[in-house]
Amino acid sequence: MALQTGCVDPTDSSYDLDHDDVSAAASYDVCEGFAGGELTGDDLLVLVNKEPQRQLRSDDAPADLVALGPSYFMPGRDGMLRGPAADGLYELIDTAAAEIGVALRVRSAYRSFREQCATYRAKVDENGPEHAARYSALPGRSQHQLGTTVDLTSAGLDWALSPSMGSRAEGEWLSDNAHRFGFALSYPRGAEPITGYAYEPWHFRYVGLAAAAELRNSGLLLDEYLFACAEAEPLRCPREQPGDRPKNRAFIGGHCAGDEDCAGIGAGAFCLDAGTAAASCTLPCSRTCPDRPGLNAPTFCVAVGGSGGLCHSRCDQGLFGQAGCRPSHHCATASRPSPATIADVCLPAQLD
């Protein structure tokens, strides 16, 4: 794998300039002189970096972008991610809040080729081309164009992108736990000779649950892992396919931020344990619950005192591995209100 070199100043304030600070409107074509590459971002494991052969097409844009919930952004920002990455991000942010009491927020998400042109030109104008190359990707070489990458920050950092995040609770938790939700740190400390970019403890790319686990166990950098996958070296390199991750935030067992996320299920649906990492949509029941094959495990009516119950997803080892349930839930045997029937279902961790 070709090495990228260049020393960087980790305290430089230009870390904190992103596309949301730059106007794409200009008196000239901001992308003039920037050629597109040949790659597309369809493959979650595509390698995109400074090498010319690893460049995305200028017209490449994900077809499954979704708007992120405004409560997951820092003040004054909005943006989009691909569906699977958005689902993983919601769980990551909610779990961080539950486990360490820190409200992580997105500063920057999907960035088009044109937006990257504006970002890069602004950094060149501010500090010159050599300096810009250390802190910003050329158009077509940015992971943000994939629609699977986010820059994360918090109020404790004054919403900035700072290398100091790595030694704070936010950065330490992300380093240890991002893989649980399918994310990987793109530019770790000391990796500049390989990645060509400075240490960025805020920059995470979604690669899928299974790939993130394999990457972590391999001990490789993200770039090294993706290079090995591209070259068919002896790794599994599992590609997450549509349906591998449940896209059911608005269905029984799906993650929710509030009752409004569950409204599509039916009358009476609500967000159980809202505001926690275990928050999930449910529906009152007396005997049966609706299923939606292909998008979530079959459901089961779990008795909750008296004669009533609440709907929960059944455990699914094929979807969630040995645990059988998404993070913050556990697989347990539960009874139906009537008749007396039992099943293995995913229950919030608080109900242990």
Protein backbone atom coordinates (compact mmCIF):
# COMPACT_ATOMS: atom_id res chain seq x y z
CA MET A 1 0.00 0.00 0.00
CA ALA A 2 1.37 3.39 -0.94
CA LEU A 3 2.30 5.62 1.99
CA GLN A 4 1.28 9.23 2.35
CA THR A 5 3.67 11.50 4.23
CA GLY A 6 3.52 14.89 5.84
CA CYS A 7 3.74 16.25 9.35
CA VAL A 8 0.80 18.09 10.80
CA ASP A 9 0.19 20.42 13.68
CA PRO A 10 -2.55 18.77 15.79
CA THR A 11 -3.43 22.07 17.44
CA ASP A 12 -4.11 23.92 14.20
CA SER A 13 -7.45 25.72 14.14
CA SER A 14 -8.10 24.79 10.51
CA TYR A 15 -9.30 21.41 11.75
CA ASP A 16 -12.50 23.21 12.63
CA LEU A 17 -13.35 24.48 9.15
CA ASP A 18 -15.87 22.21 7.48
CA HIS A 19 -18.29 22.55 4.58
CA ASP A 20 -21.00 24.09 6.73
CA ASP A 21 -18.71 27.08 7.32
CA VAL A 22 -18.24 27.59 3.57
CA SER A 23 -20.61 29.01 0.98
CA ALA A 24 -20.73 26.95 -2.20
CA ALA A 25 -22.05 29.99 -4.06
CA ALA A 26 -19.19 31.74 -5.84
CA SER A 27 -18.55 33.88 -8.89
CA TYR A 28 -16.82 30.93 -10.56
CA ASP A 29 -17.38 27.20 -10.80
CA VAL A 30 -15.94 26.01 -7.49
CA CYS A 31 -15.15 22.62 -9.04
CA GLU A 32 -13.22 24.01 -12.00
CA GLY A 33 -9.95 22.11 -12.26
CA PHE A 34 -11.04 19.21 -10.06
CA ALA A 35 -11.48 16.04 -12.09
CA GLY A 36 -13.66 13.23 -10.87
CA GLY A 37 -12.50 9.65 -10.47
CA GLU A 38 -13.98 6.33 -11.56
CA LEU A 39 -15.19 4.84 -8.26
CA THR A 40 -18.69 4.74 -6.82
CA GLY A 41 -19.57 4.45 -3.16
CA ASP A 42 -22.08 1.62 -3.55
CA ASP A 43 -19.77 -0.80 -1.72
CA LEU A 44 -19.62 0.04 2.00
CA LEU A 45 -16.00 -1.15 1.96
CA VAL A 46 -14.75 0.91 -0.98
CA LEU A 47 -11.33 2.46 -0.30
CA VAL A 48 -11.27 6.21 -0.90
CA ASN A 49 -8.06 8.14 -0.20
CA LYS A 50 -5.47 10.49 -1.71
CA GLU A 51 -4.35 8.05 -4.39
CA PRO A 52 -5.74 8.93 -7.86
CA GLN A 53 -7.09 5.41 -8.41
CA ARG A 54 -9.08 5.68 -5.16
CA GLN A 55 -11.13 8.70 -6.25
CA LEU A 56 -14.94 8.88 -6.44
CA ARG A 57 -16.79 10.05 -9.52
CA SER A 58 -17.87 13.67 -9.40
CA ASP A 59 -21.51 12.66 -9.98
CA ASP A 60 -21.51 9.86 -7.43
CA ALA A 61 -24.13 10.31 -4.72
CA PRO A 62 -25.83 7.66 -2.56
CA ALA A 63 -29.36 6.73 -3.59
CA ASP A 64 -30.49 5.94 -0.04
CA LEU A 65 -29.68 9.18 1.78
CA VAL A 66 -32.04 10.05 4.63
CA ALA A 67 -32.29 13.25 6.63
CA LEU A 68 -30.95 12.82 10.15
CA GLY A 69 -33.17 13.76 13.05
CA PRO A 70 -32.47 17.36 14.08
CA SER A 71 -31.95 16.37 17.72
CA TYR A 72 -28.81 14.47 16.69
CA PHE A 73 -27.08 17.57 15.27
CA MET A 74 -25.23 20.35 17.02
CA PRO A 75 -27.19 23.64 17.04
CA GLY A 76 -27.75 25.18 13.63
CA ARG A 77 -26.77 22.16 11.55
CA ASP A 78 -28.55 19.51 9.50
CA GLY A 79 -27.57 16.85 7.01
CA MET A 80 -28.00 13.35 5.64
CA LEU A 81 -26.51 9.86 5.81
CA ARG A 82 -27.21 6.58 4.05
CA GLY A 83 -29.98 4.63 5.77
CA PRO A 84 -27.86 1.91 7.45
CA ALA A 85 -25.33 4.47 8.69
CA ALA A 86 -28.13 6.63 10.10
CA ASP A 87 -29.58 3.67 12.01
CA GLY A 88 -26.18 2.87 13.48
CA LEU A 89 -25.55 6.49 14.36
CA TYR A 90 -28.81 6.84 16.28
CA GLU A 91 -27.93 3.84 18.41
CA LEU A 92 -24.35 5.03 18.92
CA ILE A 93 -25.39 8.49 20.13
CA ASP A 94 -28.17 7.19 22.36
CA THR A 95 -25.92 4.53 23.89
CA ALA A 96 -23.16 7.05 24.59
CA ALA A 97 -25.67 9.22 26.44
CA ALA A 98 -26.84 6.26 28.51
CA GLU A 99 -23.39 4.83 29.28
CA ILE A 100 -21.25 7.93 29.88
CA GLY A 101 -23.79 10.72 30.13
CA VAL A 102 -22.38 12.68 27.17
CA ALA A 103 -24.57 14.03 24.39
CA LEU A 104 -22.59 13.46 21.20
CA ARG A 105 -23.86 15.43 18.23
CA VAL A 106 -23.14 15.49 14.49
CA ARG A 107 -21.28 18.49 13.12
CA SER A 108 -20.96 17.27 9.54
CA ALA A 109 -22.36 14.29 7.62
CA TYR A 110 -22.85 13.72 3.87
CA ARG A 111 -20.93 16.12 1.66
CA SER A 112 -21.34 16.22 -2.12
CA PHE A 113 -18.47 16.52 -4.60
CA ARG A 114 -19.38 20.18 -5.15
CA GLU A 115 -19.51 20.93 -1.42
CA GLN A 116 -16.06 19.37 -1.06
CA CYS A 117 -14.80 21.63 -3.86
CA ALA A 118 -15.95 24.67 -1.87
CA THR A 119 -14.46 23.33 1.36
CA TYR A 120 -11.09 22.60 -0.21
CA ARG A 121 -10.89 25.94 -2.03
CA ALA A 122 -11.67 27.80 1.19
CA LYS A 123 -8.84 26.05 3.00
CA VAL A 124 -6.42 26.74 0.15
CA ASP A 125 -7.42 30.42 0.17
CA GLU A 126 -6.97 30.60 3.93
CA ASN A 127 -3.69 28.72 4.42
CA GLY A 128 -2.26 27.68 1.04
CA PRO A 129 -2.32 24.35 -0.85
CA GLU A 130 0.30 22.49 1.20
CA HIS A 131 -1.46 23.23 4.45
CA ALA A 132 -4.90 22.46 2.98
CA ALA A 133 -3.70 19.04 1.82
CA ARG A 134 -2.94 18.09 5.42
CA TYR A 135 -6.41 18.90 6.69
CA SER A 136 -8.87 18.52 3.82
CA ALA A 137 -9.52 15.93 1.14
CA LEU A 138 -9.46 16.87 -2.50
CA PRO A 139 -12.88 16.60 -4.17
CA GLY A 140 -13.63 12.96 -4.87
CA ARG A 141 -11.24 11.80 -2.13
CA SER A 142 -13.47 12.65 0.85
CA GLN A 143 -15.15 9.90 2.86
CA HIS A 144 -18.01 12.34 3.48
CA GLN A 145 -19.07 11.94 -0.18
CA LEU A 146 -19.84 8.28 0.62
CA GLY A 147 -22.74 9.30 2.86
CA THR A 148 -21.49 7.01 5.61
CA THR A 149 -19.13 9.33 7.48
CA VAL A 150 -19.72 11.79 10.30
CA ASP A 151 -17.76 14.31 12.31
CA LEU A 152 -18.90 14.13 15.94
CA THR A 153 -18.61 16.76 18.65
CA SER A 154 -20.27 17.78 21.92
CA ALA A 155 -21.25 20.82 23.95
CA GLY A 156 -18.25 20.14 26.20
CA LEU A 157 -16.03 20.85 23.20
CA ASP A 158 -17.98 24.03 22.36
CA TRP A 159 -19.15 22.14 19.25
CA ALA A 160 -15.60 22.26 17.85
CA LEU A 161 -13.54 19.57 16.12
CA SER A 162 -10.53 19.30 18.39
CA PRO A 163 -7.75 16.71 18.81
CA SER A 164 -8.31 17.08 22.56
CA MET A 165 -11.47 15.03 22.10
CA GLY A 166 -9.31 11.90 22.03
CA SER A 167 -8.36 12.28 25.69
CA ARG A 168 -11.86 13.21 26.84
CA ALA A 169 -14.69 10.86 27.78
CA GLU A 170 -16.27 11.35 24.34
CA GLY A 171 -13.21 10.28 22.39
CA GLU A 172 -12.25 7.42 24.69
CA TRP A 173 -15.75 5.97 24.56
CA LEU A 174 -15.92 6.29 20.77
CA SER A 175 -12.53 4.62 20.36
CA ASP A 176 -13.64 1.68 22.50
CA ASN A 177 -17.23 1.32 21.33
CA ALA A 178 -17.86 2.70 17.82
CA HIS A 179 -17.42 -0.77 16.29
CA ARG A 180 -20.48 -2.00 18.23
CA PHE A 181 -22.57 0.15 15.92
CA GLY A 182 -20.70 -0.49 12.66
CA PHE A 183 -18.39 2.55 12.74
CA ALA A 184 -14.60 2.82 12.50
CA LEU A 185 -12.19 5.65 13.32
CA SER A 186 -10.72 6.76 10.00
CA TYR A 187 -7.65 8.71 11.12
CA PRO A 188 -6.15 7.45 14.41
CA ARG A 189 -3.25 9.02 16.23
CA GLY A 190 0.11 8.21 14.65
CA ALA A 191 -1.43 6.98 11.39
CA GLU A 192 -0.50 10.02 9.28
CA PRO A 193 2.18 8.14 7.26
CA ILE A 194 -0.51 5.71 6.09
CA THR A 195 -3.62 7.88 5.80
CA GLY A 196 -2.02 11.20 4.84
CA TYR A 197 -4.30 12.99 7.29
CA ALA A 198 -3.83 14.30 10.81
CA TYR A 199 -5.27 12.64 13.89
CA GLU A 200 -9.05 13.18 13.87
CA PRO A 201 -10.73 11.56 16.90
CA TRP A 202 -14.09 12.89 15.67
CA HIS A 203 -14.13 11.34 12.18
CA PHE A 204 -16.00 8.01 11.94
CA ARG A 205 -17.06 5.99 8.91
CA TYR A 206 -19.78 3.36 8.86
CA VAL A 207 -18.63 0.04 7.34
CA GLY A 208 -21.28 -2.33 8.73
CA LEU A 209 -21.54 -4.31 11.95
CA ALA A 210 -19.68 -7.43 10.84
CA ALA A 211 -16.92 -5.55 9.00
CA ALA A 212 -16.37 -3.20 11.95
CA ALA A 213 -15.96 -6.21 14.24
CA GLU A 214 -13.51 -7.90 11.86
CA LEU A 215 -11.55 -4.66 11.46
CA ARG A 216 -11.22 -4.24 15.22
CA ASN A 217 -10.08 -7.84 15.70
CA SER A 218 -7.53 -7.53 12.87
CA GLY A 219 -5.61 -4.67 14.48
CA LEU A 220 -5.38 -2.94 11.09
CA LEU A 221 -6.03 0.71 10.32
CA LEU A 222 -9.24 1.33 8.40
CA ASP A 223 -7.27 2.20 5.24
CA GLU A 224 -5.20 -0.98 5.59
CA TYR A 225 -8.30 -3.10 6.08
CA LEU A 226 -10.12 -1.60 3.10
CA PHE A 227 -6.98 -2.01 0.96
CA ALA A 228 -6.80 -5.69 1.93
CA CYS A 229 -10.47 -6.10 1.03
CA ALA A 230 -9.94 -4.40 -2.34
CA GLU A 231 -6.99 -6.68 -3.09
CA ALA A 232 -8.86 -9.85 -2.03
CA GLU A 233 -6.37 -10.57 0.73
CA PRO A 234 -7.34 -13.26 3.29
CA LEU A 235 -10.07 -11.47 5.23
CA ARG A 236 -13.81 -12.11 5.22
CA CYS A 237 -14.61 -8.47 4.44
CA PRO A 238 -18.35 -9.00 5.00
CA ARG A 239 -20.42 -6.61 2.91
CA GLU A 240 -23.57 -5.50 4.64
CA GLN A 241 -26.52 -5.91 2.30
CA PRO A 242 -29.93 -4.25 2.44
CA GLY A 243 -31.82 -6.01 5.19
CA ASP A 244 -28.70 -7.06 7.12
CA ARG A 245 -29.38 -4.22 9.51
CA PRO A 246 -32.99 -3.66 10.53
CA LYS A 247 -34.39 -0.46 9.06
CA ASN A 248 -37.27 -0.45 11.50
CA ARG A 249 -36.93 2.68 13.62
CA ALA A 250 -40.68 3.11 13.11
CA PHE A 251 -41.62 -0.48 13.92
CA ILE A 252 -41.84 -2.76 16.93
CA GLY A 253 -38.40 -3.17 18.50
CA GLY A 254 -36.94 -0.38 16.36
CA HIS A 255 -35.03 2.45 17.99
CA CYS A 256 -36.97 5.63 18.72
CA ALA A 257 -36.32 9.07 20.15
CA GLY A 258 -39.95 9.77 21.02
CA ASP A 259 -43.51 8.57 20.50
CA GLU A 260 -43.71 10.33 17.13
CA ASP A 261 -41.15 7.87 15.71
CA CYS A 262 -43.58 5.01 16.40
CA ALA A 263 -46.75 6.60 15.02
CA GLY A 264 -46.68 4.51 11.84
CA ILE A 265 -47.19 1.26 13.75
CA GLY A 266 -50.76 1.94 14.73
CA ALA A 267 -53.03 3.46 17.35
CA GLY A 268 -51.53 3.41 20.83
CA ALA A 269 -47.93 2.83 19.74
CA PHE A 270 -45.31 4.59 21.83
CA CYS A 271 -41.58 4.79 22.55
CA LEU A 272 -40.72 2.56 25.50
CA ASP A 273 -37.88 3.89 27.68
CA ALA A 274 -37.60 7.05 25.57
CA GLY A 275 -34.40 8.98 26.15
CA THR A 276 -32.30 5.90 26.86
CA ALA A 277 -30.11 3.66 24.71
CA ALA A 278 -32.75 0.92 25.08
CA ALA A 279 -35.58 3.06 23.68
CA SER A 280 -37.74 1.03 21.29
CA CYS A 281 -41.16 1.20 19.67
CA THR A 282 -43.89 -0.96 21.16
CA LEU A 283 -47.64 -1.41 21.05
CA PRO A 284 -50.11 -2.52 23.73
CA CYS A 285 -51.44 -6.02 23.07
CA SER A 286 -53.59 -8.74 24.58
CA ARG A 287 -52.65 -11.78 22.50
CA THR A 288 -50.88 -11.11 19.19
CA CYS A 289 -48.71 -8.44 17.57
CA PRO A 290 -48.22 -7.45 13.92
CA ASP A 291 -45.17 -8.73 12.05
CA ARG A 292 -43.39 -7.11 9.14
CA PRO A 293 -41.29 -9.90 7.57
CA GLY A 294 -37.87 -8.93 6.26
CA LEU A 295 -37.53 -5.74 8.27
CA ASN A 296 -37.58 -7.08 11.81
CA ALA A 297 -37.73 -10.36 13.65
CA PRO A 298 -41.27 -11.65 14.23
CA THR A 299 -42.96 -10.07 17.21
CA PHE A 300 -44.50 -11.46 20.38
CA CYS A 301 -46.97 -10.11 22.94
CA VAL A 302 -45.25 -10.11 26.34
CA ALA A 303 -47.42 -10.14 29.46
CA VAL A 304 -47.03 -7.03 31.62
CA GLY A 305 -49.14 -7.46 34.75
CA GLY A 306 -52.90 -8.01 34.73
CA SER A 307 -54.25 -9.25 31.40
CA GLY A 308 -52.43 -6.88 29.08
CA GLY A 309 -49.04 -6.86 27.44
CA LEU A 310 -46.57 -5.04 25.18
CA CYS A 311 -45.23 -6.08 21.78
CA HIS A 312 -41.51 -6.90 21.47
CA SER A 313 -39.33 -8.31 18.70
CA ARG A 314 -38.34 -11.95 18.99
CA CYS A 315 -34.65 -12.80 19.30
CA ASP A 316 -32.87 -13.29 15.98
CA GLN A 317 -29.33 -14.74 16.01
CA GLY A 318 -29.20 -14.59 12.24
CA LEU A 319 -29.63 -10.83 12.30
CA PHE A 320 -27.83 -9.86 15.50
CA GLY A 321 -25.36 -12.70 16.06
CA GLN A 322 -25.09 -14.70 19.25
CA ALA A 323 -26.65 -11.92 21.35
CA GLY A 324 -29.85 -12.19 19.34
CA CYS A 325 -30.79 -8.55 19.94
CA ARG A 326 -29.53 -5.07 19.17
CA PRO A 327 -27.31 -3.27 21.72
CA SER A 328 -28.96 -2.33 25.02
CA HIS A 329 -31.39 -5.26 24.73
CA HIS A 330 -31.09 -8.86 25.88
CA CYS A 331 -32.70 -12.10 24.77
CA ALA A 332 -35.01 -13.55 27.42
CA THR A 333 -37.87 -16.02 27.66
CA ALA A 334 -41.22 -14.31 28.19
CA SER A 335 -44.87 -15.33 28.45
CA ARG A 336 -47.89 -14.19 26.48
CA PRO A 337 -50.89 -12.90 28.49
CA SER A 338 -53.28 -15.53 27.09
CA PRO A 339 -53.12 -18.33 26.23
CA ALA A 340 -50.00 -19.32 28.19
CA THR A 341 -47.31 -19.39 25.49
CA ILE A 342 -43.61 -18.56 25.82
CA ALA A 343 -41.02 -17.24 23.37
CA ASP A 344 -37.52 -15.76 23.34
CA VAL A 345 -37.86 -12.01 22.92
CA CYS A 346 -35.65 -8.91 22.98
CA LEU A 347 -36.26 -6.91 26.15
CA PRO A 348 -34.69 -3.61 27.21
CA ALA A 349 -31.69 -4.14 29.48
CA GLN A 350 -33.49 -2.37 32.33
CA LEU A 351 -36.00 -5.23 32.43
CA ASP A 352 -33.38 -7.83 33.44
